[in-house]
Amino acid sequence: MLKDKNLLVLSHTYNSFIKDPVEILANKFNKIYVLVRHQPLAELGNIIPLPFFKNRAKYSKRYSIDLTGKPDNVEVIPVSFFYLPNKNIYLNAGPRHARKVIKTIEEEDIEFDLIHAHFAWSAGYAGVKVSEKYQKPLVVTGHGYDLYKLPLRSERFKEAIKDVFNKADQILTVSDKNKEHILNMGVKNDVKVFPNGYTKDLFYYKEKEECRKKLGLPLDRDIIFTIGHLEVQKGYEYLVKALKIVKEKNPNILCLHIGAGSLEGEIKELVKELDLESNIKFLGRKPHNTLVDYFGASDFFVSSSLIEGNPTVMFEALGCGKPFIGTKVGGVPEIIKSDEYGLLCEAKDVKCLADNILKALDKDWDKDKILEYSRNFTWSNITGEISEIYEKLLK
């Protein structure tokens, strides 16, 4: 039924958990248009070394749009307009986003049958306005930041996001905890839960020694791996402090970090202060399609997040046969239900995180059991269920 239909996707990026399912869904649709919100100021982050601009660099086209392997029937179009993250000004990003999307639809002569907006604000708001103007059904996915942080900025923000959800034809989210949070806002519409996932062609088991040799990493060290923006919500100061405790019992520990962010200077200073410069290696940003080698080279993945929806990296780690050592935030405990797949602690609990890292290094993990479990979360499985929702809305 979808083969003769066009899907319009509104998002803030085209990589990872947006890109992967879209490109699998491309097999089911005639055409998919992805309109990616773009902040022109973000481009300055690649050339101006000041902290404000460097922090915006992750929203530049270079990092937010990944066209690697894009199917021919997927068209990705940046939607550029100026906005600021300030809590009051960012509320205006919704109407600006909507106007720019509608203008782009008209200028590009885009024809579509269904809209899927990722994040309630500002893509979700834009989706509502497009749905109202063109009388097309709207799906909105709430991921995390748009549920836990934005509604707390002000009552106006909370009401605006609640209104987006109440005007959607279907709400999706990535965890039961997220669903509970949406309903507690007073949203009356149905909410269906679909966890994030991973692409099995990108994330799979690779031999540790092979990956370490390829990446030039030592064969004789205990290596753990983490990915994330160096921002407050990722809790990296607690991971660094935990590694100080780990080092006292295991000087052989080496943590690889991929990512960047506004706290990079502070985190590196803390690493220096705690004498961990030989134990933590900052690798900067890396292309998504190269991450499998880092998962393969590591003993396990570690997360210290304070806030999450349902982190894609958790599923990618499991898909590579690696346990997930992390915090009990968002939907993480809904996935890591057994210590056969990982170990969890409360957010900010430095001692427990350190203990879990040490336990994980000593534990004989069953990679086959992890890999078998991970197959529940492939994007091909998840998008198959989402496409059924699309078909119901188009009847």
Protein backbone atom coordinates (compact mmCIF):
# COMPACT_ATOMS: atom_id res chain seq x y z
CA MET A 1 0.00 0.00 0.00
CA LEU A 2 2.88 2.36 0.72
CA LYS A 3 4.69 1.72 -2.57
CA ASP A 4 2.78 4.49 -4.35
CA LYS A 5 2.99 6.91 -1.38
CA ASN A 6 5.44 9.66 -0.45
CA LEU A 7 6.60 10.28 3.12
CA LEU A 8 7.66 13.70 4.45
CA VAL A 9 10.09 13.51 7.39
CA LEU A 10 10.79 16.61 9.48
CA SER A 11 13.84 16.32 11.71
CA HIS A 12 16.74 18.17 13.30
CA THR A 13 19.41 15.88 11.83
CA TYR A 14 19.90 13.21 9.21
CA ASN A 15 22.19 10.73 10.90
CA SER A 16 22.06 7.75 13.27
CA PHE A 17 18.55 7.16 14.67
CA ILE A 18 16.88 9.28 11.94
CA LYS A 19 18.95 8.19 8.94
CA ASP A 20 19.01 4.45 9.63
CA PRO A 21 15.24 3.78 9.89
CA VAL A 22 14.45 6.20 7.04
CA GLU A 23 16.74 4.33 4.68
CA ILE A 24 15.16 1.00 5.59
CA LEU A 25 11.67 2.49 5.13
CA ALA A 26 12.75 3.73 1.69
CA ASN A 27 12.11 0.21 0.38
CA LYS A 28 8.44 0.58 1.25
CA PHE A 29 7.77 4.07 -0.17
CA ASN A 30 7.78 5.63 -3.62
CA LYS A 31 9.71 8.64 -2.28
CA ILE A 32 10.85 10.00 1.08
CA TYR A 33 11.62 13.69 1.53
CA VAL A 34 13.64 14.57 4.65
CA LEU A 35 13.61 18.26 5.57
CA VAL A 36 16.41 18.84 8.06
CA ARG A 37 16.39 21.89 10.29
CA HIS A 38 19.62 23.82 9.83
CA GLN A 39 21.01 26.73 11.82
CA PRO A 40 23.34 28.79 9.56
CA LEU A 41 25.25 30.04 12.62
CA ALA A 42 26.36 26.45 13.23
CA GLU A 43 28.66 26.63 10.21
CA LEU A 44 30.78 29.20 12.05
CA GLY A 45 31.63 26.54 14.61
CA ASN A 46 33.88 24.87 12.04
CA ILE A 47 35.99 27.99 11.57
CA ILE A 48 35.75 30.11 14.75
CA PRO A 49 37.46 28.46 17.76
CA LEU A 50 35.44 30.34 20.42
CA PRO A 51 33.44 28.05 22.80
CA PHE A 52 29.97 29.35 21.78
CA PHE A 53 30.59 28.68 18.09
CA LYS A 54 32.47 25.40 18.66
CA ASN A 55 29.48 24.09 20.60
CA ARG A 56 27.18 24.88 17.69
CA ALA A 57 29.40 22.95 15.22
CA LYS A 58 27.57 19.68 15.92
CA TYR A 59 24.51 21.23 14.23
CA SER A 60 26.43 22.15 11.07
CA LYS A 61 25.72 20.23 7.86
CA ARG A 62 29.08 18.52 8.15
CA TYR A 63 27.98 16.66 11.29
CA SER A 64 24.19 16.71 11.21
CA ILE A 65 23.65 15.40 7.67
CA ASP A 66 25.17 12.06 6.63
CA LEU A 67 24.42 11.12 3.02
CA THR A 68 26.60 8.00 3.02
CA GLY A 69 24.79 5.19 1.21
CA LYS A 70 21.58 7.20 0.84
CA PRO A 71 18.98 5.44 -1.38
CA ASP A 72 18.04 7.23 -4.61
CA ASN A 73 14.42 7.68 -3.55
CA VAL A 74 15.40 9.56 -0.38
CA GLU A 75 15.89 13.30 -0.87
CA VAL A 76 17.46 15.27 1.97
CA ILE A 77 16.85 19.02 1.94
CA PRO A 78 18.29 21.42 4.57
CA VAL A 79 15.74 23.91 5.90
CA SER A 80 17.79 26.90 7.03
CA PHE A 81 16.65 29.61 9.42
CA PHE A 82 18.18 31.50 12.35
CA TYR A 83 17.24 30.66 15.94
CA LEU A 84 18.96 30.72 19.32
CA PRO A 85 18.89 28.10 22.12
CA ASN A 86 17.84 30.73 24.70
CA LYS A 87 14.76 29.33 26.48
CA ASN A 88 12.46 32.19 25.51
CA ILE A 89 13.75 32.78 21.98
CA TYR A 90 13.76 29.05 21.20
CA LEU A 91 9.99 29.02 21.65
CA ASN A 92 9.87 31.16 18.50
CA ALA A 93 11.78 28.49 16.58
CA GLY A 94 8.55 26.51 16.15
CA PRO A 95 6.71 29.10 14.01
CA ARG A 96 9.91 29.94 12.11
CA HIS A 97 10.51 26.27 11.39
CA ALA A 98 6.93 25.82 10.20
CA ARG A 99 7.07 28.80 7.83
CA LYS A 100 10.36 27.63 6.34
CA VAL A 101 9.11 24.07 5.85
CA ILE A 102 5.95 25.25 4.09
CA LYS A 103 8.00 27.58 1.89
CA THR A 104 10.36 24.71 1.00
CA ILE A 105 7.44 22.41 0.15
CA GLU A 106 6.09 25.05 -2.22
CA GLU A 107 9.44 25.95 -3.80
CA GLU A 108 10.51 22.31 -4.29
CA ASP A 109 7.01 21.25 -5.37
CA ILE A 110 7.05 18.42 -2.83
CA GLU A 111 4.10 16.06 -2.93
CA PHE A 112 3.50 13.87 0.12
CA ASP A 113 0.85 11.67 1.70
CA LEU A 114 2.05 11.42 5.30
CA ILE A 115 4.22 13.43 7.71
CA HIS A 116 6.54 12.05 10.39
CA ALA A 117 8.13 14.66 12.68
CA HIS A 118 10.95 13.74 15.05
CA PHE A 119 11.07 15.70 18.32
CA ALA A 120 8.02 17.63 19.48
CA TRP A 121 9.87 20.94 19.21
CA SER A 122 10.48 22.44 16.77
CA ALA A 123 9.92 19.76 14.10
CA GLY A 124 6.71 18.57 15.75
CA TYR A 125 5.23 22.06 15.74
CA ALA A 126 6.18 22.47 12.08
CA GLY A 127 4.54 19.10 11.41
CA VAL A 128 1.27 20.29 12.96
CA LYS A 129 1.16 23.37 10.75
CA VAL A 130 1.98 21.36 7.62
CA SER A 131 -0.66 18.80 8.54
CA GLU A 132 -3.28 21.50 9.03
CA LYS A 133 -2.43 23.28 5.78
CA TYR A 134 -2.26 20.21 3.52
CA GLN A 135 -4.71 17.97 5.42
CA LYS A 136 -2.27 15.08 5.70
CA PRO A 137 -1.92 12.69 8.68
CA LEU A 138 0.86 13.44 11.16
CA VAL A 139 3.03 11.14 13.28
CA VAL A 140 5.18 12.77 15.99
CA THR A 141 7.96 10.93 17.81
CA GLY A 142 9.03 12.23 21.22
CA HIS A 143 12.62 11.19 21.89
CA GLY A 144 13.88 12.58 25.19
CA TYR A 145 15.20 16.15 25.35
CA ASP A 146 11.83 17.39 24.05
CA LEU A 147 10.05 15.55 26.87
CA TYR A 148 12.27 15.95 29.91
CA LYS A 149 13.98 19.28 29.47
CA LEU A 150 12.02 21.64 27.22
CA PRO A 151 8.67 21.43 29.09
CA LEU A 152 10.46 22.50 32.28
CA ARG A 153 11.67 25.76 30.74
CA SER A 154 8.31 27.46 31.19
CA GLU A 155 4.59 26.78 31.37
CA ARG A 156 4.26 28.20 27.85
CA PHE A 157 6.77 25.69 26.55
CA LYS A 158 4.98 22.83 28.28
CA GLU A 159 1.63 23.86 26.82
CA ALA A 160 3.11 24.29 23.35
CA ILE A 161 4.57 20.78 23.38
CA LYS A 162 1.40 19.31 24.87
CA ASP A 163 -0.57 20.97 22.04
CA VAL A 164 1.72 19.39 19.42
CA PHE A 165 1.10 15.92 20.83
CA ASN A 166 -2.66 16.47 21.10
CA LYS A 167 -2.85 17.54 17.45
CA ALA A 168 -0.86 14.59 16.10
CA ASP A 169 -2.72 11.67 14.54
CA GLN A 170 -0.31 9.27 16.22
CA ILE A 171 2.31 9.75 18.92
CA LEU A 172 5.33 7.47 19.06
CA THR A 173 8.07 7.40 21.67
CA VAL A 174 11.06 5.24 22.49
CA SER A 175 10.35 3.94 26.00
CA ASP A 176 7.57 3.20 28.48
CA LYS A 177 9.03 5.85 30.77
CA ASN A 178 8.75 8.41 27.97
CA LYS A 179 5.13 7.38 27.39
CA GLU A 180 4.35 7.88 31.07
CA HIS A 181 5.97 11.31 30.93
CA ILE A 182 3.93 12.34 27.87
CA LEU A 183 0.65 11.21 29.44
CA ASN A 184 1.50 13.00 32.70
CA MET A 185 1.70 16.24 30.70
CA GLY A 186 -2.04 15.87 30.09
CA VAL A 187 -1.80 14.52 26.54
CA LYS A 188 -4.99 12.68 25.54
CA ASN A 189 -3.87 11.03 22.30
CA ASP A 190 -2.74 7.41 22.00
CA VAL A 191 1.00 6.85 22.56
CA LYS A 192 2.76 3.81 21.13
CA VAL A 193 6.23 2.73 22.23
CA PHE A 194 8.91 1.67 19.76
CA PRO A 195 12.46 1.50 21.10
CA ASN A 196 15.37 2.83 19.12
CA GLY A 197 17.43 0.25 17.28
CA TYR A 198 20.49 -0.43 15.18
CA THR A 199 21.32 -1.34 11.59
CA LYS A 200 22.73 -4.86 11.49
CA ASP A 201 24.75 -4.10 8.36
CA LEU A 202 26.60 -1.34 10.25
CA PHE A 203 26.88 -2.91 13.72
CA TYR A 204 27.93 -6.52 14.16
CA TYR A 205 30.46 -8.60 16.02
CA LYS A 206 34.13 -8.16 15.05
CA GLU A 207 37.17 -9.79 16.61
CA LYS A 208 38.81 -7.61 19.25
CA GLU A 209 42.39 -8.19 18.16
CA GLU A 210 41.57 -7.43 14.51
CA CYS A 211 39.91 -4.11 15.45
CA ARG A 212 42.70 -3.04 17.79
CA LYS A 213 45.33 -3.66 15.14
CA LYS A 214 43.28 -1.74 12.58
CA LEU A 215 42.89 1.24 14.93
CA GLY A 216 46.44 1.14 16.26
CA LEU A 217 45.29 0.37 19.81
CA PRO A 218 47.28 -1.65 22.36
CA LEU A 219 46.47 -5.35 22.53
CA ASP A 220 47.35 -5.70 26.21
CA ARG A 221 45.11 -3.07 27.82
CA ASP A 222 41.56 -3.21 29.18
CA ILE A 223 39.68 -0.88 26.83
CA ILE A 224 36.23 0.57 27.40
CA PHE A 225 34.36 2.76 24.95
CA THR A 226 31.90 5.65 25.18
CA ILE A 227 30.21 7.98 22.68
CA GLY A 228 28.42 11.23 23.42
CA HIS A 229 28.40 15.00 23.36
CA LEU A 230 30.53 16.55 26.08
CA GLU A 231 27.53 18.26 27.65
CA VAL A 232 26.07 18.29 31.17
CA GLN A 233 23.33 15.73 30.45
CA LYS A 234 25.89 13.07 29.46
CA GLY A 235 27.43 13.10 32.93
CA TYR A 236 31.03 12.67 31.84
CA GLU A 237 32.44 14.29 34.97
CA TYR A 238 31.06 11.28 36.91
CA LEU A 239 32.61 8.81 34.48
CA VAL A 240 36.00 10.54 34.81
CA LYS A 241 35.76 10.40 38.61
CA ALA A 242 34.73 6.74 38.43
CA LEU A 243 37.76 6.00 36.27
CA LYS A 244 39.98 7.50 38.96
CA ILE A 245 38.68 4.81 41.33
CA VAL A 246 39.02 2.12 38.66
CA LYS A 247 42.62 3.12 37.96
CA GLU A 248 43.59 2.60 41.60
CA LYS A 249 42.67 -1.08 41.23
CA ASN A 250 43.40 -1.47 37.52
CA PRO A 251 46.09 0.91 36.15
CA ASN A 252 45.74 -0.88 32.80
CA ILE A 253 42.36 0.74 32.06
CA LEU A 254 41.95 2.81 28.88
CA CYS A 255 38.73 4.65 28.01
CA LEU A 256 38.09 5.79 24.43
CA HIS A 257 35.69 8.70 23.95
CA ILE A 258 34.12 9.78 20.65
CA GLY A 259 32.33 13.13 20.48
CA ALA A 260 32.77 16.81 21.29
CA GLY A 261 30.90 19.59 23.04
CA SER A 262 30.92 22.74 25.11
CA LEU A 263 32.40 21.02 28.20
CA GLU A 264 35.40 19.60 26.35
CA GLY A 265 37.84 22.00 28.03
CA GLU A 266 36.43 21.37 31.52
CA ILE A 267 36.40 17.58 31.13
CA LYS A 268 39.95 17.51 29.82
CA GLU A 269 41.06 19.73 32.71
CA LEU A 270 39.42 17.30 35.16
CA VAL A 271 41.22 14.40 33.47
CA LYS A 272 44.52 16.24 33.91
CA GLU A 273 43.74 17.13 37.52
CA LEU A 274 43.02 13.46 38.36
CA ASP A 275 46.14 12.25 36.55
CA LEU A 276 44.16 10.23 34.00
CA GLU A 277 45.72 11.53 30.79
CA SER A 278 47.16 8.10 29.99
CA ASN A 279 43.84 6.41 30.76
CA ILE A 280 41.35 8.45 28.73
CA LYS A 281 41.76 9.14 25.04
CA PHE A 282 39.55 11.78 23.36
CA LEU A 283 39.11 10.93 19.69
CA GLY A 284 36.79 13.75 18.60
CA ARG A 285 33.95 13.11 16.17
CA LYS A 286 34.01 10.03 13.95
CA PRO A 287 31.77 8.97 11.03
CA HIS A 288 28.91 6.74 12.12
CA ASN A 289 29.92 3.98 9.72
CA THR A 290 33.36 3.64 11.41
CA LEU A 291 32.07 3.05 14.94
CA VAL A 292 31.80 -0.73 14.62
CA ASP A 293 35.61 -0.98 14.85
CA TYR A 294 35.63 0.92 18.16
CA PHE A 295 32.88 -1.28 19.57
CA GLY A 296 34.84 -4.30 18.36
CA ALA A 297 38.10 -3.09 19.91
CA SER A 298 36.55 -2.52 23.34
CA ASP A 299 35.71 -4.85 26.20
CA PHE A 300 32.36 -3.12 26.69
CA PHE A 301 30.48 0.16 26.25
CA VAL A 302 29.97 2.58 29.14
CA SER A 303 27.50 5.45 29.60
CA SER A 304 27.23 7.96 32.44
CA SER A 305 24.16 9.83 31.15
CA LEU A 306 21.92 11.84 33.48
CA ILE A 307 19.07 12.05 30.95
CA GLU A 308 18.18 9.76 28.04
CA GLY A 309 15.20 8.68 26.00
CA ASN A 310 16.50 5.32 24.81
CA PRO A 311 20.09 5.74 23.60
CA THR A 312 20.84 4.37 20.13
CA VAL A 313 24.40 3.54 21.20
CA MET A 314 23.03 1.00 23.68
CA PHE A 315 21.46 -1.01 20.84
CA GLU A 316 24.55 -0.59 18.69
CA ALA A 317 26.71 -1.95 21.50
CA LEU A 318 24.44 -4.98 21.94
CA GLY A 319 24.44 -5.48 18.15
CA CYS A 320 28.24 -5.72 18.32
CA GLY A 321 28.01 -8.32 21.10
CA LYS A 322 29.16 -5.87 23.77
CA PRO A 323 27.53 -5.42 27.19
CA PHE A 324 26.20 -1.99 28.19
CA ILE A 325 27.45 -0.51 31.47
CA GLY A 326 25.36 2.55 32.22
CA THR A 327 22.86 4.47 34.31
CA LYS A 328 19.20 3.85 35.15
CA VAL A 329 17.83 6.71 33.06
CA GLY A 330 15.03 6.89 30.50
CA GLY A 331 14.26 3.58 28.86
CA VAL A 332 17.65 1.99 29.61
CA PRO A 333 16.33 -0.30 32.42
CA GLU A 334 13.59 -1.48 30.04
CA ILE A 335 16.28 -2.93 27.77
CA ILE A 336 19.06 -3.94 30.19
CA LYS A 337 16.75 -6.18 32.21
CA SER A 338 19.39 -8.76 33.05
CA ASP A 339 23.04 -8.71 34.07
CA GLU A 340 23.63 -10.97 31.06
CA TYR A 341 23.40 -7.83 28.90
CA GLY A 342 24.93 -5.18 31.15
CA LEU A 343 25.13 -3.53 34.56
CA LEU A 344 23.31 -0.39 35.69
CA CYS A 345 23.63 2.14 38.51
CA GLU A 346 21.89 5.34 39.51
CA ALA A 347 22.96 8.49 37.68
CA LYS A 348 25.76 10.45 39.42
CA ASP A 349 26.71 7.44 41.59
CA VAL A 350 30.46 7.49 41.01
CA LYS A 351 31.30 4.57 43.30
CA CYS A 352 28.65 2.26 41.84
CA LEU A 353 29.70 3.14 38.29
CA ALA A 354 33.32 2.38 39.17
CA ASP A 355 32.33 -0.91 40.82
CA ASN A 356 30.31 -1.90 37.75
CA ILE A 357 33.23 -1.16 35.43
CA LEU A 358 35.48 -3.36 37.57
CA LYS A 359 32.85 -6.11 37.71
CA ALA A 360 32.37 -5.94 33.97
CA LEU A 361 36.12 -6.29 33.38
CA ASP A 362 36.17 -9.46 35.51
CA LYS A 363 32.96 -10.98 34.12
CA ASP A 364 32.99 -13.64 31.40
CA TRP A 365 30.33 -12.20 29.06
CA ASP A 366 28.41 -14.48 26.70
CA LYS A 367 28.62 -12.58 23.41
CA ASP A 368 26.34 -15.04 21.63
CA LYS A 369 23.57 -14.44 24.15
CA ILE A 370 24.01 -10.67 23.78
CA LEU A 371 23.92 -10.92 19.99
CA GLU A 372 20.81 -13.09 20.08
CA TYR A 373 19.04 -10.59 22.35
CA SER A 374 20.09 -7.65 20.18
CA ARG A 375 18.19 -9.03 17.18
CA ASN A 376 14.97 -7.85 18.84
CA PHE A 377 16.11 -4.30 18.19
CA THR A 378 17.18 -4.20 14.56
CA TRP A 379 15.78 -1.24 12.66
CA SER A 380 14.32 -3.63 10.08
CA ASN A 381 12.09 -5.16 12.78
CA ILE A 382 11.11 -1.85 14.32
CA THR A 383 10.39 -0.04 11.05
CA GLY A 384 8.21 -2.96 9.95
CA GLU A 385 5.90 -2.26 12.89
CA ILE A 386 5.99 1.50 12.29
CA SER A 387 5.03 1.01 8.63
CA GLU A 388 1.88 -0.79 9.82
CA ILE A 389 0.92 2.39 11.67
CA TYR A 390 1.54 4.41 8.51
CA GLU A 391 -0.76 2.12 6.54
CA LYS A 392 -3.58 2.49 9.08
CA LEU A 393 -3.33 6.27 8.92
CA LEU A 394 -3.50 6.24 5.12
CA LYS A 395 -6.61 4.05 4.87
